[in-house]
């Protein structure tokens, strides 16, 4: 039998290296690796109970991949410690590849096309002076003594706080933190508890959080979607995110989003996320 030449041996060696690299890449792509907060209802939960978890499950199944998570509290440093973090110093692989929910155009990552748009919502606890309020303008018609007794959750820098300022209600505001210092509880959980304990009458909060509060006590609240007006923006599009150089993955996610709008909407409606169109008008239910 003729022995392979040195040139052929070199070629076989290169082919073996390429094949090995290809198999390694294939093995890595067997997992759909998501960066997520383990306690951020209604978005993500370690037990898979958030709507981002449900959407990620659909995607992993459609892609034929196992779903894996890199868990980290969604506070300062979240992107640095998840999406941009290597598994170890010598590895080329990252802890995770996809963040399931960021504002479209988020500066720290490349965002997909929006997969939903929501708006801030006025959440009113029934059984008090606000029972007559059926739209946000009705609050201006309340008697002065009724306004004076209101207890309204207020978040620094949020559009709801600007609205309170415009309607002379900042004096009734109770300051809350957007990001709590305790990673075992988040804003939605704190608000839900304080409403249940009778500490609050109202809050203007991001739509998914409003839906979370309402799901816990379906008949206890009046929910009024806010409309953007006079330079005050309430509705925003949300996207998924990948690392900036990861163009192929971004395209793959964009294509999946384009094909699966109805499935995504079904999950979001299950979680009572208020959905609006580009003009801020509520989307009709299917």
C-alpha atoms as a PDB file:
ATOM      1  CA  UNK A   1       0.000   0.000   0.000  1.00  0.00           C
ATOM      2  CA  UNK A   2       1.298   3.410  -0.936  1.00  0.00           C
ATOM      3  CA  UNK A   3       2.127   5.615   2.045  1.00  0.00           C
ATOM      4  CA  UNK A   4       0.548   9.093   2.123  1.00  0.00           C
ATOM      5  CA  UNK A   5       2.928  11.859   1.156  1.00  0.00           C
ATOM      6  CA  UNK A   6       3.905  14.568   3.610  1.00  0.00           C
ATOM      7  CA  UNK A   7       1.721  16.995   1.643  1.00  0.00           C
ATOM      8  CA  UNK A   8      -1.268  14.658   1.967  1.00  0.00           C
ATOM      9  CA  UNK A   9      -0.525  14.106   5.651  1.00  0.00           C
ATOM     10  CA  UNK A  10      -0.484  17.896   6.172  1.00  0.00           C
ATOM     11  CA  UNK A  11      -3.769  18.231   4.330  1.00  0.00           C
ATOM     12  CA  UNK A  12      -5.330  15.478   6.417  1.00  0.00           C
ATOM     13  CA  UNK A  13      -4.121  17.211   9.572  1.00  0.00           C
ATOM     14  CA  UNK A  14      -5.717  20.520   8.570  1.00  0.00           C
ATOM     15  CA  UNK A  15      -8.958  18.740   7.688  1.00  0.00           C
ATOM     16  CA  UNK A  16      -8.954  17.032  11.081  1.00  0.00           C
ATOM     17  CA  UNK A  17      -8.456  20.360  12.838  1.00  0.00           C
ATOM     18  CA  UNK A  18     -11.276  21.968  10.851  1.00  0.00           C
ATOM     19  CA  UNK A  19     -13.568  19.027  11.540  1.00  0.00           C
ATOM     20  CA  UNK A  20     -12.757  19.249  15.229  1.00  0.00           C
ATOM     21  CA  UNK A  21     -13.531  22.969  15.297  1.00  0.00           C
ATOM     22  CA  UNK A  22     -16.793  22.342  13.428  1.00  0.00           C
ATOM     23  CA  UNK A  23     -17.852  19.648  15.887  1.00  0.00           C
ATOM     24  CA  UNK A  24     -16.961  21.877  18.832  1.00  0.00           C
ATOM     25  CA  UNK A  25     -19.076  24.709  17.384  1.00  0.00           C
ATOM     26  CA  UNK A  26     -21.930  22.274  16.768  1.00  0.00           C
ATOM     27  CA  UNK A  27     -21.751  21.046  20.349  1.00  0.00           C
ATOM     28  CA  UNK A  28     -21.855  24.619  21.680  1.00  0.00           C
ATOM     29  CA  UNK A  29     -24.888  25.405  19.535  1.00  0.00           C
ATOM     30  CA  UNK A  30     -26.803  22.458  20.956  1.00  0.00           C
ATOM     31  CA  UNK A  31     -27.746  24.855  23.771  1.00  0.00           C
ATOM     32  CA  UNK A  32     -29.906  27.954  23.552  1.00  0.00           C
ATOM     33  CA  UNK A  33     -28.191  29.962  26.275  1.00  0.00           C
ATOM     34  CA  UNK A  34     -30.271  32.722  27.861  1.00  0.00           C
ATOM     35  CA  UNK A  35     -29.098  35.447  30.263  1.00  0.00           C
ATOM     36  CA  UNK A  36     -31.784  35.995  32.908  1.00  0.00           C
ATOM     37  CA  UNK A  37     -32.684  37.205  36.376  1.00  0.00           C
ATOM     38  CA  UNK A  38     -33.783  34.273  38.597  1.00  0.00           C
ATOM     39  CA  UNK A  39     -36.342  36.429  40.443  1.00  0.00           C
ATOM     40  CA  UNK A  40     -37.874  39.013  38.133  1.00  0.00           C
ATOM     41  CA  UNK A  41     -41.599  38.295  37.803  1.00  0.00           C
ATOM     42  CA  UNK A  42     -43.456  38.467  35.554  1.00  0.00           C
ATOM     43  CA  UNK A  43     -40.518  38.373  33.103  1.00  0.00           C
ATOM     44  CA  UNK A  44     -38.194  35.625  34.291  1.00  0.00           C
ATOM     45  CA  UNK A  45     -38.065  33.152  37.180  1.00  0.00           C
ATOM     46  CA  UNK A  46     -35.698  30.332  38.042  1.00  0.00           C
ATOM     47  CA  UNK A  47     -38.678  27.944  38.050  1.00  0.00           C
ATOM     48  CA  UNK A  48     -39.563  28.968  34.464  1.00  0.00           C
ATOM     49  CA  UNK A  49     -42.686  30.865  35.486  1.00  0.00           C
ATOM     50  CA  UNK A  50     -42.065  34.132  33.611  1.00  0.00           C
ATOM     51  CA  UNK A  51     -43.273  35.026  30.143  1.00  0.00           C
ATOM     52  CA  UNK A  52     -39.708  35.411  28.896  1.00  0.00           C
ATOM     53  CA  UNK A  53     -39.097  31.848  30.094  1.00  0.00           C
ATOM     54  CA  UNK A  54     -42.095  30.624  28.088  1.00  0.00           C
ATOM     55  CA  UNK A  55     -40.938  32.392  24.929  1.00  0.00           C
ATOM     56  CA  UNK A  56     -37.398  31.060  25.383  1.00  0.00           C
ATOM     57  CA  UNK A  57     -38.799  27.535  25.725  1.00  0.00           C
ATOM     58  CA  UNK A  58     -40.590  27.891  22.385  1.00  0.00           C
ATOM     59  CA  UNK A  59     -37.469  29.177  20.686  1.00  0.00           C
ATOM     60  CA  UNK A  60     -35.204  26.445  22.024  1.00  0.00           C
ATOM     61  CA  UNK A  61     -37.701  23.784  20.939  1.00  0.00           C
ATOM     62  CA  UNK A  62     -38.027  25.251  17.449  1.00  0.00           C
ATOM     63  CA  UNK A  63     -34.241  25.505  17.117  1.00  0.00           C
ATOM     64  CA  UNK A  64     -33.771  21.924  18.329  1.00  0.00           C
ATOM     65  CA  UNK A  65     -31.606  23.096  21.218  1.00  0.00           C
ATOM     66  CA  UNK A  66     -31.540  22.495  24.945  1.00  0.00           C
ATOM     67  CA  UNK A  67     -32.510  25.569  26.956  1.00  0.00           C
ATOM     68  CA  UNK A  68     -29.826  26.726  29.386  1.00  0.00           C
ATOM     69  CA  UNK A  69     -29.685  29.773  31.651  1.00  0.00           C
ATOM     70  CA  UNK A  70     -26.957  31.968  33.085  1.00  0.00           C
ATOM     71  CA  UNK A  71     -28.630  33.481  36.158  1.00  0.00           C
ATOM     72  CA  UNK A  72     -27.724  36.900  37.512  1.00  0.00           C
ATOM     73  CA  UNK A  73     -29.835  39.625  39.182  1.00  0.00           C
ATOM     74  CA  UNK A  74     -30.889  42.233  36.618  1.00  0.00           C
ATOM     75  CA  UNK A  75     -29.178  45.124  38.323  1.00  0.00           C
ATOM     76  CA  UNK A  76     -26.114  47.194  37.459  1.00  0.00           C
ATOM     77  CA  UNK A  77     -23.545  44.899  35.872  1.00  0.00           C
ATOM     78  CA  UNK A  78     -26.085  42.448  34.458  1.00  0.00           C
ATOM     79  CA  UNK A  79     -24.849  42.585  30.835  1.00  0.00           C
ATOM     80  CA  UNK A  80     -21.193  42.571  31.920  1.00  0.00           C
ATOM     81  CA  UNK A  81     -21.703  39.495  34.083  1.00  0.00           C
ATOM     82  CA  UNK A  82     -23.842  37.547  31.613  1.00  0.00           C
ATOM     83  CA  UNK A  83     -23.924  38.386  27.895  1.00  0.00           C
ATOM     84  CA  UNK A  84     -20.369  39.762  27.820  1.00  0.00           C
ATOM     85  CA  UNK A  85     -18.859  37.320  30.323  1.00  0.00           C
ATOM     86  CA  UNK A  86     -16.653  34.425  29.205  1.00  0.00           C
ATOM     87  CA  UNK A  87     -17.077  31.024  30.882  1.00  0.00           C
ATOM     88  CA  UNK A  88     -13.489  31.403  32.105  1.00  0.00           C
ATOM     89  CA  UNK A  89     -10.402  33.423  31.214  1.00  0.00           C
ATOM     90  CA  UNK A  90      -9.096  30.918  28.663  1.00  0.00           C
ATOM     91  CA  UNK A  91     -12.437  30.161  27.017  1.00  0.00           C
ATOM     92  CA  UNK A  92     -13.829  31.596  23.812  1.00  0.00           C
ATOM     93  CA  UNK A  93     -17.356  30.683  24.892  1.00  0.00           C
ATOM     94  CA  UNK A  94     -19.686  33.013  26.738  1.00  0.00           C
ATOM     95  CA  UNK A  95     -21.926  32.235  29.696  1.00  0.00           C
ATOM     96  CA  UNK A  96     -25.005  33.041  27.598  1.00  0.00           C
ATOM     97  CA  UNK A  97     -25.934  34.423  24.194  1.00  0.00           C
ATOM     98  CA  UNK A  98     -29.408  35.985  24.376  1.00  0.00           C
ATOM     99  CA  UNK A  99     -31.130  38.487  26.660  1.00  0.00           C
ATOM    100  CA  UNK A 100     -34.864  37.999  26.216  1.00  0.00           C
ATOM    101  CA  UNK A 101     -36.071  41.509  26.969  1.00  0.00           C
ATOM    102  CA  UNK A 102     -34.444  44.940  26.551  1.00  0.00           C
ATOM    103  CA  UNK A 103     -35.698  48.266  25.173  1.00  0.00           C
ATOM    104  CA  UNK A 104     -35.285  48.399  21.395  1.00  0.00           C
ATOM    105  CA  UNK A 105     -32.045  50.239  20.619  1.00  0.00           C
ATOM    106  CA  UNK A 106     -30.500  49.315  23.979  1.00  0.00           C
ATOM    107  CA  UNK A 107     -26.964  50.742  23.901  1.00  0.00           C
ATOM    108  CA  UNK A 108     -25.040  47.861  25.482  1.00  0.00           C
ATOM    109  CA  UNK A 109     -26.035  45.156  22.979  1.00  0.00           C
ATOM    110  CA  UNK A 110     -27.397  44.562  19.481  1.00  0.00           C
ATOM    111  CA  UNK A 111     -31.190  44.426  19.567  1.00  0.00           C
ATOM    112  CA  UNK A 112     -33.578  42.473  17.359  1.00  0.00           C
ATOM    113  CA  UNK A 113     -36.701  43.827  15.787  1.00  0.00           C
ATOM    114  CA  UNK A 114     -39.299  44.541  18.499  1.00  0.00           C
ATOM    115  CA  UNK A 115     -41.375  41.522  19.481  1.00  0.00           C
ATOM    116  CA  UNK A 116     -43.889  43.479  21.537  1.00  0.00           C
ATOM    117  CA  UNK A 117     -44.777  47.034  22.514  1.00  0.00           C
ATOM    118  CA  UNK A 118     -46.335  47.865  25.853  1.00  0.00           C
ATOM    119  CA  UNK A 119     -47.208  50.994  27.782  1.00  0.00           C
ATOM    120  CA  UNK A 120     -47.260  52.306  31.311  1.00  0.00           C
ATOM    121  CA  UNK A 121     -50.492  51.656  33.192  1.00  0.00           C
ATOM    122  CA  UNK A 122     -52.285  53.472  35.982  1.00  0.00           C
ATOM    123  CA  UNK A 123     -53.065  50.812  38.594  1.00  0.00           C
ATOM    124  CA  UNK A 124     -55.823  51.839  41.032  1.00  0.00           C
ATOM    125  CA  UNK A 125     -56.799  49.856  44.122  1.00  0.00           C
ATOM    126  CA  UNK A 126     -60.590  49.612  44.215  1.00  0.00           C
ATOM    127  CA  UNK A 127     -62.605  50.509  47.277  1.00  0.00           C
ATOM    128  CA  UNK A 128     -61.504  54.123  47.787  1.00  0.00           C
ATOM    129  CA  UNK A 129     -61.741  57.680  46.494  1.00  0.00           C
ATOM    130  CA  UNK A 130     -60.408  56.592  43.099  1.00  0.00           C
ATOM    131  CA  UNK A 131     -63.351  54.331  42.282  1.00  0.00           C
ATOM    132  CA  UNK A 132     -64.847  57.152  40.161  1.00  0.00           C
ATOM    133  CA  UNK A 133     -61.705  57.282  37.988  1.00  0.00           C
ATOM    134  CA  UNK A 134     -62.188  55.525  34.633  1.00  0.00           C
ATOM    135  CA  UNK A 135     -59.499  57.359  32.664  1.00  0.00           C
ATOM    136  CA  UNK A 136     -56.397  59.306  33.669  1.00  0.00           C
ATOM    137  CA  UNK A 137     -58.100  62.687  33.099  1.00  0.00           C
ATOM    138  CA  UNK A 138     -60.739  61.907  35.736  1.00  0.00           C
ATOM    139  CA  UNK A 139     -58.188  62.410  38.513  1.00  0.00           C
ATOM    140  CA  UNK A 140     -58.102  66.139  37.790  1.00  0.00           C
ATOM    141  CA  UNK A 141     -61.810  66.308  38.674  1.00  0.00           C
ATOM    142  CA  UNK A 142     -61.390  64.800  42.150  1.00  0.00           C
ATOM    143  CA  UNK A 143     -62.143  67.041  45.141  1.00  0.00           C
ATOM    144  CA  UNK A 144     -59.074  68.549  46.796  1.00  0.00           C
ATOM    145  CA  UNK A 145     -59.566  66.582  50.007  1.00  0.00           C
ATOM    146  CA  UNK A 146     -59.788  63.300  48.058  1.00  0.00           C
ATOM    147  CA  UNK A 147     -56.509  64.095  46.263  1.00  0.00           C
ATOM    148  CA  UNK A 148     -54.807  65.064  49.510  1.00  0.00           C
ATOM    149  CA  UNK A 149     -55.407  61.638  51.019  1.00  0.00           C
ATOM    150  CA  UNK A 150     -53.997  59.620  48.124  1.00  0.00           C
ATOM    151  CA  UNK A 151     -50.956  57.367  48.552  1.00  0.00           C
ATOM    152  CA  UNK A 152     -49.200  57.001  45.199  1.00  0.00           C
ATOM    153  CA  UNK A 153     -46.049  54.975  44.530  1.00  0.00           C
ATOM    154  CA  UNK A 154     -43.482  57.128  42.739  1.00  0.00           C
ATOM    155  CA  UNK A 155     -40.252  56.156  40.961  1.00  0.00           C
ATOM    156  CA  UNK A 156     -37.445  58.625  40.354  1.00  0.00           C
ATOM    157  CA  UNK A 157     -36.980  59.459  36.669  1.00  0.00           C
ATOM    158  CA  UNK A 158     -39.988  57.444  35.514  1.00  0.00           C
ATOM    159  CA  UNK A 159     -42.650  58.902  33.179  1.00  0.00           C
ATOM    160  CA  UNK A 160     -45.274  58.271  35.844  1.00  0.00           C
ATOM    161  CA  UNK A 161     -43.485  60.714  38.152  1.00  0.00           C
ATOM    162  CA  UNK A 162     -43.486  63.361  35.418  1.00  0.00           C
ATOM    163  CA  UNK A 163     -47.223  62.786  34.996  1.00  0.00           C
ATOM    164  CA  UNK A 164     -47.771  63.246  38.757  1.00  0.00           C
ATOM    165  CA  UNK A 165     -45.782  66.474  38.623  1.00  0.00           C
ATOM    166  CA  UNK A 166     -47.860  67.739  35.692  1.00  0.00           C
ATOM    167  CA  UNK A 167     -51.061  66.990  37.628  1.00  0.00           C
ATOM    168  CA  UNK A 168     -49.946  68.452  40.986  1.00  0.00           C
ATOM    169  CA  UNK A 169     -49.847  65.047  42.701  1.00  0.00           C
ATOM    170  CA  UNK A 170     -46.172  64.765  43.622  1.00  0.00           C
ATOM    171  CA  UNK A 171     -47.053  65.712  47.176  1.00  0.00           C
ATOM    172  CA  UNK A 172     -48.992  62.450  47.450  1.00  0.00           C
ATOM    173  CA  UNK A 173     -46.062  60.434  46.122  1.00  0.00           C
ATOM    174  CA  UNK A 174     -44.307  57.748  48.149  1.00  0.00           C
ATOM    175  CA  UNK A 175     -40.740  57.162  46.845  1.00  0.00           C
ATOM    176  CA  UNK A 176     -39.869  53.658  45.633  1.00  0.00           C
ATOM    177  CA  UNK A 177     -36.684  52.253  44.105  1.00  0.00           C
ATOM    178  CA  UNK A 178     -36.741  50.961  40.543  1.00  0.00           C
ATOM    179  CA  UNK A 179     -34.123  48.386  41.523  1.00  0.00           C
ATOM    180  CA  UNK A 180     -34.356  47.106  45.067  1.00  0.00           C
ATOM    181  CA  UNK A 181     -31.184  46.406  47.008  1.00  0.00           C
ATOM    182  CA  UNK A 182     -32.546  42.992  47.952  1.00  0.00           C
ATOM    183  CA  UNK A 183     -32.134  40.511  45.081  1.00  0.00           C
ATOM    184  CA  UNK A 184     -34.726  38.193  46.629  1.00  0.00           C
ATOM    185  CA  UNK A 185     -37.531  40.645  45.784  1.00  0.00           C
ATOM    186  CA  UNK A 186     -38.267  42.897  42.818  1.00  0.00           C
ATOM    187  CA  UNK A 187     -40.394  45.974  42.135  1.00  0.00           C
ATOM    188  CA  UNK A 188     -43.473  43.987  41.082  1.00  0.00           C
ATOM    189  CA  UNK A 189     -43.389  41.910  44.264  1.00  0.00           C
ATOM    190  CA  UNK A 190     -42.895  44.951  46.514  1.00  0.00           C
ATOM    191  CA  UNK A 191     -45.783  46.853  44.912  1.00  0.00           C
ATOM    192  CA  UNK A 192     -48.114  43.842  45.031  1.00  0.00           C
ATOM    193  CA  UNK A 193     -47.418  43.368  48.747  1.00  0.00           C
ATOM    194  CA  UNK A 194     -47.862  47.035  49.606  1.00  0.00           C
ATOM    195  CA  UNK A 195     -51.150  47.203  47.697  1.00  0.00           C
ATOM    196  CA  UNK A 196     -52.362  44.072  49.484  1.00  0.00           C
ATOM    197  CA  UNK A 197     -51.316  45.533  52.856  1.00  0.00           C
ATOM    198  CA  UNK A 198     -53.309  48.713  52.204  1.00  0.00           C
ATOM    199  CA  UNK A 199     -50.278  50.996  51.910  1.00  0.00           C
ATOM    200  CA  UNK A 200     -51.001  52.227  48.381  1.00  0.00           C
ATOM    201  CA  UNK A 201     -53.917  53.589  46.372  1.00  0.00           C
ATOM    202  CA  UNK A 202     -52.277  54.018  42.981  1.00  0.00           C
ATOM    203  CA  UNK A 203     -49.171  53.662  40.864  1.00  0.00           C
ATOM    204  CA  UNK A 204     -48.259  54.390  37.242  1.00  0.00           C
ATOM    205  CA  UNK A 205     -46.021  51.476  36.306  1.00  0.00           C
ATOM    206  CA  UNK A 206     -44.679  49.600  33.276  1.00  0.00           C
ATOM    207  CA  UNK A 207     -47.420  47.455  31.714  1.00  0.00           C
ATOM    208  CA  UNK A 208     -46.046  43.937  32.421  1.00  0.00           C
ATOM    209  CA  UNK A 209     -45.704  44.805  36.125  1.00  0.00           C
ATOM    210  CA  UNK A 210     -49.271  46.141  36.149  1.00  0.00           C
ATOM    211  CA  UNK A 211     -50.416  42.852  34.636  1.00  0.00           C
ATOM    212  CA  UNK A 212     -48.542  40.919  37.333  1.00  0.00           C
ATOM    213  CA  UNK A 213     -50.239  42.875  40.127  1.00  0.00           C
ATOM    214  CA  UNK A 214     -53.667  42.423  38.542  1.00  0.00           C
ATOM    215  CA  UNK A 215     -53.216  38.652  38.096  1.00  0.00           C
ATOM    216  CA  UNK A 216     -52.638  38.192  41.814  1.00  0.00           C
ATOM    217  CA  UNK A 217     -55.992  39.810  42.697  1.00  0.00           C
ATOM    218  CA  UNK A 218     -58.038  40.026  39.474  1.00  0.00           C
ATOM    219  CA  UNK A 219     -60.992  41.964  40.940  1.00  0.00           C
ATOM    220  CA  UNK A 220     -59.052  44.281  43.222  1.00  0.00           C
ATOM    221  CA  UNK A 221     -57.710  46.760  40.671  1.00  0.00           C
ATOM    222  CA  UNK A 222     -58.698  49.138  37.903  1.00  0.00           C
ATOM    223  CA  UNK A 223     -56.087  49.231  35.130  1.00  0.00           C
ATOM    224  CA  UNK A 224     -55.929  52.286  32.861  1.00  0.00           C
ATOM    225  CA  UNK A 225     -53.310  52.238  30.042  1.00  0.00           C
ATOM    226  CA  UNK A 226     -51.507  55.564  29.734  1.00  0.00           C
ATOM    227  CA  UNK A 227     -51.300  57.359  26.391  1.00  0.00           C
ATOM    228  CA  UNK A 228     -48.214  59.235  25.246  1.00  0.00           C
ATOM    229  CA  UNK A 229     -48.989  62.945  24.917  1.00  0.00           C
ATOM    230  CA  UNK A 230     -47.404  66.406  25.012  1.00  0.00           C
ATOM    231  CA  UNK A 231     -43.821  65.214  25.032  1.00  0.00           C
ATOM    232  CA  UNK A 232     -44.425  62.531  27.651  1.00  0.00           C
ATOM    233  CA  UNK A 233     -43.692  59.040  26.329  1.00  0.00           C
ATOM    234  CA  UNK A 234     -45.420  56.047  27.931  1.00  0.00           C
ATOM    235  CA  UNK A 235     -45.289  53.267  25.304  1.00  0.00           C
ATOM    236  CA  UNK A 236     -42.069  51.544  24.250  1.00  0.00           C
ATOM    237  CA  UNK A 237     -40.995  48.628  22.004  1.00  0.00           C
ATOM    238  CA  UNK A 238     -39.120  45.670  23.474  1.00  0.00           C
ATOM    239  CA  UNK A 239     -36.555  43.437  21.781  1.00  0.00           C
ATOM    240  CA  UNK A 240     -34.183  40.570  22.417  1.00  0.00           C
ATOM    241  CA  UNK A 241     -30.456  41.268  22.528  1.00  0.00           C
ATOM    242  CA  UNK A 242     -27.174  39.614  21.512  1.00  0.00           C
ATOM    243  CA  UNK A 243     -23.540  40.712  21.502  1.00  0.00           C
ATOM    244  CA  UNK A 244     -22.728  43.315  18.843  1.00  0.00           C
ATOM    245  CA  UNK A 245     -20.568  41.066  16.583  1.00  0.00           C
ATOM    246  CA  UNK A 246     -23.139  38.247  16.687  1.00  0.00           C
ATOM    247  CA  UNK A 247     -24.923  39.140  13.440  1.00  0.00           C
ATOM    248  CA  UNK A 248     -25.867  35.575  12.481  1.00  0.00           C
ATOM    249  CA  UNK A 249     -27.594  34.933  15.785  1.00  0.00           C
ATOM    250  CA  UNK A 250     -29.415  38.269  15.587  1.00  0.00           C
ATOM    251  CA  UNK A 251     -30.677  37.399  12.095  1.00  0.00           C
ATOM    252  CA  UNK A 252     -31.829  33.990  13.338  1.00  0.00           C
ATOM    253  CA  UNK A 253     -33.784  35.591  16.182  1.00  0.00           C
ATOM    254  CA  UNK A 254     -35.272  38.224  13.864  1.00  0.00           C
ATOM    255  CA  UNK A 255     -36.503  35.539  11.501  1.00  0.00           C
ATOM    256  CA  UNK A 256     -38.047  33.559  14.363  1.00  0.00           C
ATOM    257  CA  UNK A 257     -39.800  36.663  15.715  1.00  0.00           C
ATOM    258  CA  UNK A 258     -41.200  37.452  12.268  1.00  0.00           C
ATOM    259  CA  UNK A 259     -42.676  33.950  11.977  1.00  0.00           C
ATOM    260  CA  UNK A 260     -44.086  33.649  15.480  1.00  0.00           C
ATOM    261  CA  UNK A 261     -45.920  36.864  16.299  1.00  0.00           C
ATOM    262  CA  UNK A 262     -49.183  35.091  17.137  1.00  0.00           C
ATOM    263  CA  UNK A 263     -47.500  32.626  19.521  1.00  0.00           C
ATOM    264  CA  UNK A 264     -45.638  35.435  21.275  1.00  0.00           C
ATOM    265  CA  UNK A 265     -48.818  37.484  21.629  1.00  0.00           C
ATOM    266  CA  UNK A 266     -50.667  34.511  23.087  1.00  0.00           C
ATOM    267  CA  UNK A 267     -48.087  34.153  25.872  1.00  0.00           C
ATOM    268  CA  UNK A 268     -48.034  37.877  26.624  1.00  0.00           C
ATOM    269  CA  UNK A 269     -51.821  38.013  26.871  1.00  0.00           C
ATOM    270  CA  UNK A 270     -51.779  35.060  29.262  1.00  0.00           C
ATOM    271  CA  UNK A 271     -49.662  37.264  31.551  1.00  0.00           C
ATOM    272  CA  UNK A 272     -51.994  40.241  31.014  1.00  0.00           C
ATOM    273  CA  UNK A 273     -49.268  42.335  29.393  1.00  0.00           C
ATOM    274  CA  UNK A 274     -51.014  45.376  27.841  1.00  0.00           C
ATOM    275  CA  UNK A 275     -50.083  45.420  24.153  1.00  0.00           C
ATOM    276  CA  UNK A 276     -50.219  48.533  21.970  1.00  0.00           C
ATOM    277  CA  UNK A 277     -49.425  49.431  18.361  1.00  0.00           C
ATOM    278  CA  UNK A 278     -46.840  51.969  17.184  1.00  0.00           C
ATOM    279  CA  UNK A 279     -49.274  54.796  17.888  1.00  0.00           C
ATOM    280  CA  UNK A 280     -49.924  53.630  21.446  1.00  0.00           C
ATOM    281  CA  UNK A 281     -53.411  52.291  20.715  1.00  0.00           C
ATOM    282  CA  UNK A 282     -54.384  48.988  22.412  1.00  0.00           C
ATOM    283  CA  UNK A 283     -54.088  45.980  20.127  1.00  0.00           C
ATOM    284  CA  UNK A 284     -57.443  44.268  19.540  1.00  0.00           C
ATOM    285  CA  UNK A 285     -57.671  40.827  21.090  1.00  0.00           C
ATOM    286  CA  UNK A 286     -57.647  37.962  18.556  1.00  0.00           C
END
